[in-house]
Amino acid sequence: MANWAVAEAKAKFSELIEMAQARGAQEITRHGKLVGVLVSPEDWKKAKHTPTGNARTMSDFFKNSPLAGSGLDLKRSRTKARKVEL
């Protein structure tokens, strides 16, 4: 992953876009600290639909869990709630 200073990224934005498409994600830094990452639309779509991406449902989370198939019983109990005196 290439590293670009903000000023350089602004001055060479077209090149930055081309690099993201050809070589993958490009980091953008300010004063040596990471402030952004530019990725191609293809990489963005892939990342959003992987187990580590943001576009997951709770169901996807449990299906892709390392505990899936481990025998852990996640079924809800159907017993009546216990009475509590207030």
PDB file of N, CA and C in Angstrom:
ATOM      1  N   MET A   1       0.854  -1.170   0.000  1.00  0.00           N
ATOM      2  CA  MET A   1       0.000   0.000   0.000  1.00  0.00           C
ATOM      3  C   MET A   1       0.898   1.230   0.000  1.00  0.00           C
ATOM      4  N   ALA A   2       0.710   2.094  -0.981  1.00  0.00           N
ATOM      5  CA  ALA A   2       1.513   3.311  -1.089  1.00  0.00           C
ATOM      6  C   ALA A   2       1.025   4.349  -0.089  1.00  0.00           C
ATOM      7  N   ASN A   3       1.918   5.247   0.268  1.00  0.00           N
ATOM      8  CA  ASN A   3       1.636   6.270   1.264  1.00  0.00           C
ATOM      9  C   ASN A   3       1.790   7.650   0.622  1.00  0.00           C
ATOM     10  N   TRP A   4       0.780   8.485   0.718  1.00  0.00           N
ATOM     11  CA  TRP A   4       0.786   9.820   0.131  1.00  0.00           C
ATOM     12  C   TRP A   4       0.539  10.863   1.215  1.00  0.00           C
ATOM     13  N   ALA A   5       1.301  11.955   1.206  1.00  0.00           N
ATOM     14  CA  ALA A   5       1.010  13.093   2.074  1.00  0.00           C
ATOM     15  C   ALA A   5      -0.208  13.807   1.489  1.00  0.00           C
ATOM     16  N   VAL A   6      -0.986  14.474   2.325  1.00  0.00           N
ATOM     17  CA  VAL A   6      -2.208  15.143   1.859  1.00  0.00           C
ATOM     18  C   VAL A   6      -1.897  16.100   0.715  1.00  0.00           C
ATOM     19  N   ALA A   7      -0.865  16.934   0.865  1.00  0.00           N
ATOM     20  CA  ALA A   7      -0.530  17.909  -0.175  1.00  0.00           C
ATOM     21  C   ALA A   7      -0.202  17.219  -1.498  1.00  0.00           C
ATOM     22  N   GLU A   8       0.563  16.139  -1.445  1.00  0.00           N
ATOM     23  CA  GLU A   8       0.902  15.400  -2.649  1.00  0.00           C
ATOM     24  C   GLU A   8      -0.336  14.748  -3.255  1.00  0.00           C
ATOM     25  N   ALA A   9      -1.207  14.200  -2.404  1.00  0.00           N
ATOM     26  CA  ALA A   9      -2.442  13.565  -2.881  1.00  0.00           C
ATOM     27  C   ALA A   9      -3.325  14.581  -3.593  1.00  0.00           C
ATOM     28  N   LYS A  10      -3.394  15.806  -3.050  1.00  0.00           N
ATOM     29  CA  LYS A  10      -4.190  16.858  -3.685  1.00  0.00           C
ATOM     30  C   LYS A  10      -3.593  17.266  -5.025  1.00  0.00           C
ATOM     31  N   ALA A  11      -2.278  17.396  -5.075  1.00  0.00           N
ATOM     32  CA  ALA A  11      -1.602  17.843  -6.293  1.00  0.00           C
ATOM     33  C   ALA A  11      -1.638  16.774  -7.393  1.00  0.00           C
ATOM     34  N   LYS A  12      -1.667  15.513  -7.003  1.00  0.00           N
ATOM     35  CA  LYS A  12      -1.607  14.417  -7.974  1.00  0.00           C
ATOM     36  C   LYS A  12      -2.824  13.507  -7.852  1.00  0.00           C
ATOM     37  N   PHE A  13      -4.008  14.102  -7.705  1.00  0.00           N
ATOM     38  CA  PHE A  13      -5.210  13.326  -7.448  1.00  0.00           C
ATOM     39  C   PHE A  13      -5.507  12.306  -8.545  1.00  0.00           C
ATOM     40  N   SER A  14      -5.348  12.700  -9.808  1.00  0.00           N
ATOM     41  CA  SER A  14      -5.598  11.760 -10.915  1.00  0.00           C
ATOM     42  C   SER A  14      -4.665  10.563 -10.822  1.00  0.00           C
ATOM     43  N   GLU A  15      -3.391  10.810 -10.518  1.00  0.00           N
ATOM     44  CA  GLU A  15      -2.429   9.725 -10.370  1.00  0.00           C
ATOM     45  C   GLU A  15      -2.788   8.841  -9.184  1.00  0.00           C
ATOM     46  N   LEU A  16      -3.253   9.459  -8.110  1.00  0.00           N
ATOM     47  CA  LEU A  16      -3.668   8.717  -6.914  1.00  0.00           C
ATOM     48  C   LEU A  16      -4.803   7.755  -7.254  1.00  0.00           C
ATOM     49  N   ILE A  17      -5.772   8.225  -8.025  1.00  0.00           N
ATOM     50  CA  ILE A  17      -6.894   7.377  -8.439  1.00  0.00           C
ATOM     51  C   ILE A  17      -6.395   6.219  -9.297  1.00  0.00           C
ATOM     52  N   GLU A  18      -5.523   6.509 -10.249  1.00  0.00           N
ATOM     53  CA  GLU A  18      -4.979   5.458 -11.114  1.00  0.00           C
ATOM     54  C   GLU A  18      -4.215   4.408 -10.306  1.00  0.00           C
ATOM     55  N   MET A  19      -3.446   4.861  -9.330  1.00  0.00           N
ATOM     56  CA  MET A  19      -2.684   3.936  -8.485  1.00  0.00           C
ATOM     57  C   MET A  19      -3.623   3.044  -7.674  1.00  0.00           C
ATOM     58  N   ALA A  20      -4.707   3.612  -7.163  1.00  0.00           N
ATOM     59  CA  ALA A  20      -5.666   2.821  -6.387  1.00  0.00           C
ATOM     60  C   ALA A  20      -6.295   1.740  -7.257  1.00  0.00           C
ATOM     61  N   GLN A  21      -6.566   2.072  -8.521  1.00  0.00           N
ATOM     62  CA  GLN A  21      -7.164   1.092  -9.421  1.00  0.00           C
ATOM     63  C   GLN A  21      -6.157   0.027  -9.850  1.00  0.00           C
ATOM     64  N   ALA A  22      -4.916   0.421 -10.057  1.00  0.00           N
ATOM     65  CA  ALA A  22      -3.910  -0.507 -10.568  1.00  0.00           C
ATOM     66  C   ALA A  22      -3.230  -1.324  -9.477  1.00  0.00           C
ATOM     67  N   ARG A  23      -2.970  -0.701  -8.319  1.00  0.00           N
ATOM     68  CA  ARG A  23      -2.147  -1.360  -7.295  1.00  0.00           C
ATOM     69  C   ARG A  23      -2.839  -1.564  -5.954  1.00  0.00           C
ATOM     70  N   GLY A  24      -4.082  -1.142  -5.852  1.00  0.00           N
ATOM     71  CA  GLY A  24      -4.798  -1.341  -4.588  1.00  0.00           C
ATOM     72  C   GLY A  24      -4.829  -0.079  -3.741  1.00  0.00           C
ATOM     73  N   ALA A  25      -5.236  -0.237  -2.517  1.00  0.00           N
ATOM     74  CA  ALA A  25      -5.473   0.880  -1.594  1.00  0.00           C
ATOM     75  C   ALA A  25      -4.261   1.788  -1.456  1.00  0.00           C
ATOM     76  N   GLN A  26      -4.549   3.091  -1.334  1.00  0.00           N
ATOM     77  CA  GLN A  26      -3.513   4.107  -1.178  1.00  0.00           C
ATOM     78  C   GLN A  26      -3.780   4.873   0.117  1.00  0.00           C
ATOM     79  N   GLU A  27      -2.792   4.898   1.013  1.00  0.00           N
ATOM     80  CA  GLU A  27      -2.941   5.610   2.290  1.00  0.00           C
ATOM     81  C   GLU A  27      -2.613   7.085   2.114  1.00  0.00           C
ATOM     82  N   ILE A  28      -3.361   7.922   2.816  1.00  0.00           N
ATOM     83  CA  ILE A  28      -3.119   9.364   2.800  1.00  0.00           C
ATOM     84  C   ILE A  28      -2.813   9.791   4.231  1.00  0.00           C
ATOM     85  N   THR A  29      -1.702  10.507   4.406  1.00  0.00           N
ATOM     86  CA  THR A  29      -1.261  10.891   5.740  1.00  0.00           C
ATOM     87  C   THR A  29      -1.143  12.403   5.876  1.00  0.00           C
ATOM     88  N   ARG A  30      -1.292  12.865   7.112  1.00  0.00           N
ATOM     89  CA  ARG A  30      -1.064  14.274   7.456  1.00  0.00           C
ATOM     90  C   ARG A  30      -0.155  14.272   8.674  1.00  0.00           C
ATOM     91  N   HIS A  31       0.985  14.914   8.551  1.00  0.00           N
ATOM     92  CA  HIS A  31       1.984  14.955   9.628  1.00  0.00           C
ATOM     93  C   HIS A  31       2.343  13.549  10.100  1.00  0.00           C
ATOM     94  N   GLY A  32       2.419  12.612   9.148  1.00  0.00           N
ATOM     95  CA  GLY A  32       2.821  11.251   9.460  1.00  0.00           C
ATOM     96  C   GLY A  32       1.731  10.353  10.023  1.00  0.00           C
ATOM     97  N   LYS A  33       0.532  10.894  10.221  1.00  0.00           N
ATOM     98  CA  LYS A  33      -0.582  10.088  10.754  1.00  0.00           C
ATOM     99  C   LYS A  33      -1.578   9.779   9.644  1.00  0.00           C
ATOM    100  N   LEU A  34      -2.044   8.540   9.628  1.00  0.00           N
ATOM    101  CA  LEU A  34      -3.018   8.114   8.630  1.00  0.00           C
ATOM    102  C   LEU A  34      -4.330   8.880   8.809  1.00  0.00           C
ATOM    103  N   VAL A  35      -4.790   9.532   7.716  1.00  0.00           N
ATOM    104  CA  VAL A  35      -6.046  10.284   7.785  1.00  0.00           C
ATOM    105  C   VAL A  35      -7.080   9.788   6.770  1.00  0.00           C
ATOM    106  N   GLY A  36      -6.656   8.938   5.838  1.00  0.00           N
ATOM    107  CA  GLY A  36      -7.598   8.433   4.855  1.00  0.00           C
ATOM    108  C   GLY A  36      -6.992   7.328   4.022  1.00  0.00           C
ATOM    109  N   VAL A  37      -7.866   6.619   3.323  1.00  0.00           N
ATOM    110  CA  VAL A  37      -7.442   5.557   2.415  1.00  0.00           C
ATOM    111  C   VAL A  37      -8.315   5.656   1.173  1.00  0.00           C
ATOM    112  N   LEU A  38      -7.689   5.640   0.006  1.00  0.00           N
ATOM    113  CA  LEU A  38      -8.424   5.653  -1.254  1.00  0.00           C
ATOM    114  C   LEU A  38      -8.350   4.252  -1.850  1.00  0.00           C
ATOM    115  N   VAL A  39      -9.527   3.692  -2.157  1.00  0.00           N
ATOM    116  CA  VAL A  39      -9.597   2.368  -2.777  1.00  0.00           C
ATOM    117  C   VAL A  39     -10.431   2.463  -4.039  1.00  0.00           C
ATOM    118  N   SER A  40     -10.237   1.508  -4.936  1.00  0.00           N
ATOM    119  CA  SER A  40     -11.030   1.468  -6.162  1.00  0.00           C
ATOM    120  C   SER A  40     -12.460   1.058  -5.814  1.00  0.00           C
ATOM    121  N   PRO A  41     -13.419   1.389  -6.674  1.00  0.00           N
ATOM    122  CA  PRO A  41     -14.804   0.969  -6.412  1.00  0.00           C
ATOM    123  C   PRO A  41     -14.938  -0.553  -6.300  1.00  0.00           C
ATOM    124  N   GLU A  42     -14.156  -1.281  -7.077  1.00  0.00           N
ATOM    125  CA  GLU A  42     -14.211  -2.738  -7.024  1.00  0.00           C
ATOM    126  C   GLU A  42     -13.772  -3.252  -5.660  1.00  0.00           C
ATOM    127  N   ASP A  43     -12.644  -2.707  -5.154  1.00  0.00           N
ATOM    128  CA  ASP A  43     -12.159  -3.113  -3.834  1.00  0.00           C
ATOM    129  C   ASP A  43     -13.147  -2.719  -2.744  1.00  0.00           C
ATOM    130  N   TRP A  44     -13.778  -1.563  -2.882  1.00  0.00           N
ATOM    131  CA  TRP A  44     -14.756  -1.096  -1.895  1.00  0.00           C
ATOM    132  C   TRP A  44     -15.946  -2.057  -1.839  1.00  0.00           C
ATOM    133  N   LYS A  45     -16.447  -2.459  -3.007  1.00  0.00           N
ATOM    134  CA  LYS A  45     -17.586  -3.380  -3.050  1.00  0.00           C
ATOM    135  C   LYS A  45     -17.229  -4.727  -2.437  1.00  0.00           C
ATOM    136  N   LYS A  46     -16.020  -5.217  -2.733  1.00  0.00           N
ATOM    137  CA  LYS A  46     -15.581  -6.489  -2.150  1.00  0.00           C
ATOM    138  C   LYS A  46     -15.507  -6.387  -0.632  1.00  0.00           C
ATOM    139  N   ALA A  47     -14.943  -5.299  -0.139  1.00  0.00           N
ATOM    140  CA  ALA A  47     -14.770  -5.131   1.308  1.00  0.00           C
ATOM    141  C   ALA A  47     -16.107  -5.028   2.026  1.00  0.00           C
ATOM    142  N   LYS A  48     -17.089  -4.405   1.385  1.00  0.00           N
ATOM    143  CA  LYS A  48     -18.394  -4.243   2.022  1.00  0.00           C
ATOM    144  C   LYS A  48     -19.149  -5.561   2.145  1.00  0.00           C
ATOM    145  N   HIS A  49     -18.799  -6.554   1.355  1.00  0.00           N
ATOM    146  CA  HIS A  49     -19.542  -7.805   1.359  1.00  0.00           C
ATOM    147  C   HIS A  49     -18.718  -8.989   1.836  1.00  0.00           C
ATOM    148  N   THR A  50     -17.698  -8.713   2.624  1.00  0.00           N
ATOM    149  CA  THR A  50     -16.905  -9.787   3.224  1.00  0.00           C
ATOM    150  C   THR A  50     -17.250  -9.862   4.704  1.00  0.00           C
ATOM    151  N   PRO A  51     -16.866 -10.948   5.370  1.00  0.00           N
ATOM    152  CA  PRO A  51     -17.159 -11.063   6.799  1.00  0.00           C
ATOM    153  C   PRO A  51     -16.602  -9.912   7.633  1.00  0.00           C
ATOM    154  N   THR A  52     -15.601  -9.201   7.119  1.00  0.00           N
ATOM    155  CA  THR A  52     -15.069  -8.078   7.896  1.00  0.00           C
ATOM    156  C   THR A  52     -15.621  -6.738   7.425  1.00  0.00           C
ATOM    157  N   GLY A  53     -16.497  -6.754   6.424  1.00  0.00           N
ATOM    158  CA  GLY A  53     -17.044  -5.507   5.905  1.00  0.00           C
ATOM    159  C   GLY A  53     -18.183  -4.985   6.754  1.00  0.00           C
ATOM    160  N   ASN A  54     -18.683  -3.804   6.403  1.00  0.00           N
ATOM    161  CA  ASN A  54     -19.733  -3.159   7.183  1.00  0.00           C
ATOM    162  C   ASN A  54     -21.132  -3.601   6.784  1.00  0.00           C
ATOM    163  N   ALA A  55     -21.299  -4.145   5.589  1.00  0.00           N
ATOM    164  CA  ALA A  55     -22.629  -4.472   5.098  1.00  0.00           C
ATOM    165  C   ALA A  55     -23.017  -5.898   5.491  1.00  0.00           C
ATOM    166  N   ARG A  56     -23.073  -6.156   6.785  1.00  0.00           N
ATOM    167  CA  ARG A  56     -23.442  -7.485   7.270  1.00  0.00           C
ATOM    168  C   ARG A  56     -24.695  -7.394   8.109  1.00  0.00           C
ATOM    169  N   THR A  57     -25.385  -8.493   8.163  1.00  0.00           N
ATOM    170  CA  THR A  57     -26.522  -8.590   9.064  1.00  0.00           C
ATOM    171  C   THR A  57     -26.072  -9.397  10.280  1.00  0.00           C
ATOM    172  N   MET A  58     -26.863  -9.386  11.314  1.00  0.00           N
ATOM    173  CA  MET A  58     -26.554 -10.181  12.494  1.00  0.00           C
ATOM    174  C   MET A  58     -26.530 -11.662  12.112  1.00  0.00           C
ATOM    175  N   SER A  59     -27.426 -12.045  11.223  1.00  0.00           N
ATOM    176  CA  SER A  59     -27.468 -13.431  10.755  1.00  0.00           C
ATOM    177  C   SER A  59     -26.152 -13.810  10.079  1.00  0.00           C
ATOM    178  N   ASP A  60     -25.618 -12.923   9.221  1.00  0.00           N
ATOM    179  CA  ASP A  60     -24.329 -13.176   8.561  1.00  0.00           C
ATOM    180  C   ASP A  60     -23.224 -13.328   9.591  1.00  0.00           C
ATOM    181  N   PHE A  61     -23.269 -12.491  10.618  1.00  0.00           N
ATOM    182  CA  PHE A  61     -22.253 -12.547  11.672  1.00  0.00           C
ATOM    183  C   PHE A  61     -22.211 -13.938  12.302  1.00  0.00           C
ATOM    184  N   PHE A  62     -23.374 -14.469  12.675  1.00  0.00           N
ATOM    185  CA  PHE A  62     -23.412 -15.774  13.323  1.00  0.00           C
ATOM    186  C   PHE A  62     -23.083 -16.907  12.349  1.00  0.00           C
ATOM    187  N   LYS A  63     -23.513 -16.787  11.101  1.00  0.00           N
ATOM    188  CA  LYS A  63     -23.203 -17.822  10.113  1.00  0.00           C
ATOM    189  C   LYS A  63     -21.702 -17.925   9.860  1.00  0.00           C
ATOM    190  N   ASN A  64     -20.998 -16.794   9.883  1.00  0.00           N
ATOM    191  CA  ASN A  64     -19.565 -16.771   9.590  1.00  0.00           C
ATOM    192  C   ASN A  64     -18.700 -16.830  10.835  1.00  0.00           C
ATOM    193  N   SER A  65     -19.300 -17.007  11.977  1.00  0.00           N
ATOM    194  CA  SER A  65     -18.565 -17.066  13.239  1.00  0.00           C
ATOM    195  C   SER A  65     -17.699 -18.317  13.302  1.00  0.00           C
ATOM    196  N   PRO A  66     -16.532 -18.219  13.943  1.00  0.00           N
ATOM    197  CA  PRO A  66     -15.717 -19.421  14.138  1.00  0.00           C
ATOM    198  C   PRO A  66     -16.438 -20.475  14.980  1.00  0.00           C
ATOM    199  N   LEU A  67     -17.461 -20.076  15.707  1.00  0.00           N
ATOM    200  CA  LEU A  67     -18.211 -21.018  16.543  1.00  0.00           C
ATOM    201  C   LEU A  67     -19.340 -21.711  15.773  1.00  0.00           C
ATOM    202  N   ALA A  68     -19.567 -21.309  14.510  1.00  0.00           N
ATOM    203  CA  ALA A  68     -20.619 -21.948  13.721  1.00  0.00           C
ATOM    204  C   ALA A  68     -20.292 -23.425  13.582  1.00  0.00           C
ATOM    205  N   GLY A  69     -21.248 -24.276  13.880  1.00  0.00           N
ATOM    206  CA  GLY A  69     -21.043 -25.706  13.787  1.00  0.00           C
ATOM    207  C   GLY A  69     -20.316 -26.313  14.974  1.00  0.00           C
ATOM    208  N   SER A  70     -20.088 -25.525  16.021  1.00  0.00           N
ATOM    209  CA  SER A  70     -19.352 -26.032  17.183  1.00  0.00           C
ATOM    210  C   SER A  70     -20.252 -26.750  18.188  1.00  0.00           C
ATOM    211  N   GLY A  71     -21.560 -26.728  17.929  1.00  0.00           N
ATOM    212  CA  GLY A  71     -22.478 -27.381  18.851  1.00  0.00           C
ATOM    213  C   GLY A  71     -23.044 -26.426  19.891  1.00  0.00           C
ATOM    214  N   LEU A  72     -22.647 -25.173  19.848  1.00  0.00           N
ATOM    215  CA  LEU A  72     -23.159 -24.174  20.778  1.00  0.00           C
ATOM    216  C   LEU A  72     -24.643 -23.961  20.488  1.00  0.00           C
ATOM    217  N   ASP A  73     -25.493 -24.095  21.510  1.00  0.00           N
ATOM    218  CA  ASP A  73     -26.936 -23.966  21.341  1.00  0.00           C
ATOM    219  C   ASP A  73     -27.346 -22.511  21.533  1.00  0.00           C
ATOM    220  N   LEU A  74     -27.763 -21.854  20.447  1.00  0.00           N
ATOM    221  CA  LEU A  74     -28.164 -20.449  20.503  1.00  0.00           C
ATOM    222  C   LEU A  74     -29.675 -20.274  20.384  1.00  0.00           C
ATOM    223  N   LYS A  75     -30.426 -21.350  20.599  1.00  0.00           N
ATOM    224  CA  LYS A  75     -31.875 -21.257  20.497  1.00  0.00           C
ATOM    225  C   LYS A  75     -32.439 -20.570  21.735  1.00  0.00           C
ATOM    226  N   ARG A  76     -33.478 -19.805  21.497  1.00  0.00           N
ATOM    227  CA  ARG A  76     -34.133 -19.087  22.584  1.00  0.00           C
ATOM    228  C   ARG A  76     -34.982 -20.044  23.408  1.00  0.00           C
ATOM    229  N   SER A  77     -34.928 -19.876  24.698  1.00  0.00           N
ATOM    230  CA  SER A  77     -35.742 -20.691  25.587  1.00  0.00           C
ATOM    231  C   SER A  77     -37.205 -20.272  25.446  1.00  0.00           C
ATOM    232  N   ARG A  78     -38.089 -21.230  25.364  1.00  0.00           N
ATOM    233  CA  ARG A  78     -39.518 -20.950  25.214  1.00  0.00           C
ATOM    234  C   ARG A  78     -40.262 -21.072  26.548  1.00  0.00           C
ATOM    235  N   THR A  79     -39.547 -21.217  27.644  1.00  0.00           N
ATOM    236  CA  THR A  79     -40.204 -21.306  28.945  1.00  0.00           C
ATOM    237  C   THR A  79     -40.767 -19.946  29.324  1.00  0.00           C
ATOM    238  N   LYS A  80     -41.787 -19.990  30.185  1.00  0.00           N
ATOM    239  CA  LYS A  80     -42.404 -18.734  30.621  1.00  0.00           C
ATOM    240  C   LYS A  80     -41.447 -17.956  31.507  1.00  0.00           C
ATOM    241  N   ALA A  81     -41.584 -16.647  31.468  1.00  0.00           N
ATOM    242  CA  ALA A  81     -40.722 -15.790  32.296  1.00  0.00           C
ATOM    243  C   ALA A  81     -41.038 -16.037  33.779  1.00  0.00           C
ATOM    244  N   ARG A  82     -40.048 -15.920  34.607  1.00  0.00           N
ATOM    245  CA  ARG A  82     -40.276 -16.123  36.034  1.00  0.00           C
ATOM    246  C   ARG A  82     -40.905 -14.873  36.628  1.00  0.00           C
ATOM    247  N   LYS A  83     -41.650 -15.058  37.681  1.00  0.00           N
ATOM    248  CA  LYS A  83     -42.316 -13.936  38.350  1.00  0.00           C
ATOM    249  C   LYS A  83     -41.342 -13.272  39.298  1.00  0.00           C
ATOM    250  N   VAL A  84     -41.374 -11.966  39.298  1.00  0.00           N
ATOM    251  CA  VAL A  84     -40.501 -11.186  40.171  1.00  0.00           C
ATOM    252  C   VAL A  84     -41.364 -10.247  40.989  1.00  0.00           C
ATOM    253  N   GLU A  85     -41.173 -10.260  42.305  1.00  0.00           N
ATOM    254  CA  GLU A  85     -41.924  -9.354  43.153  1.00  0.00           C
ATOM    255  C   GLU A  85     -41.228  -8.003  43.194  1.00  0.00           C
ATOM    256  N   LEU A  86     -42.013  -6.965  43.019  1.00  0.00           N
ATOM    257  CA  LEU A  86     -41.461  -5.609  43.049  1.00  0.00           C
ATOM    258  C   LEU A  86     -41.865  -4.877  44.307  1.00  0.00           C
TER     259      LEU A  86
END
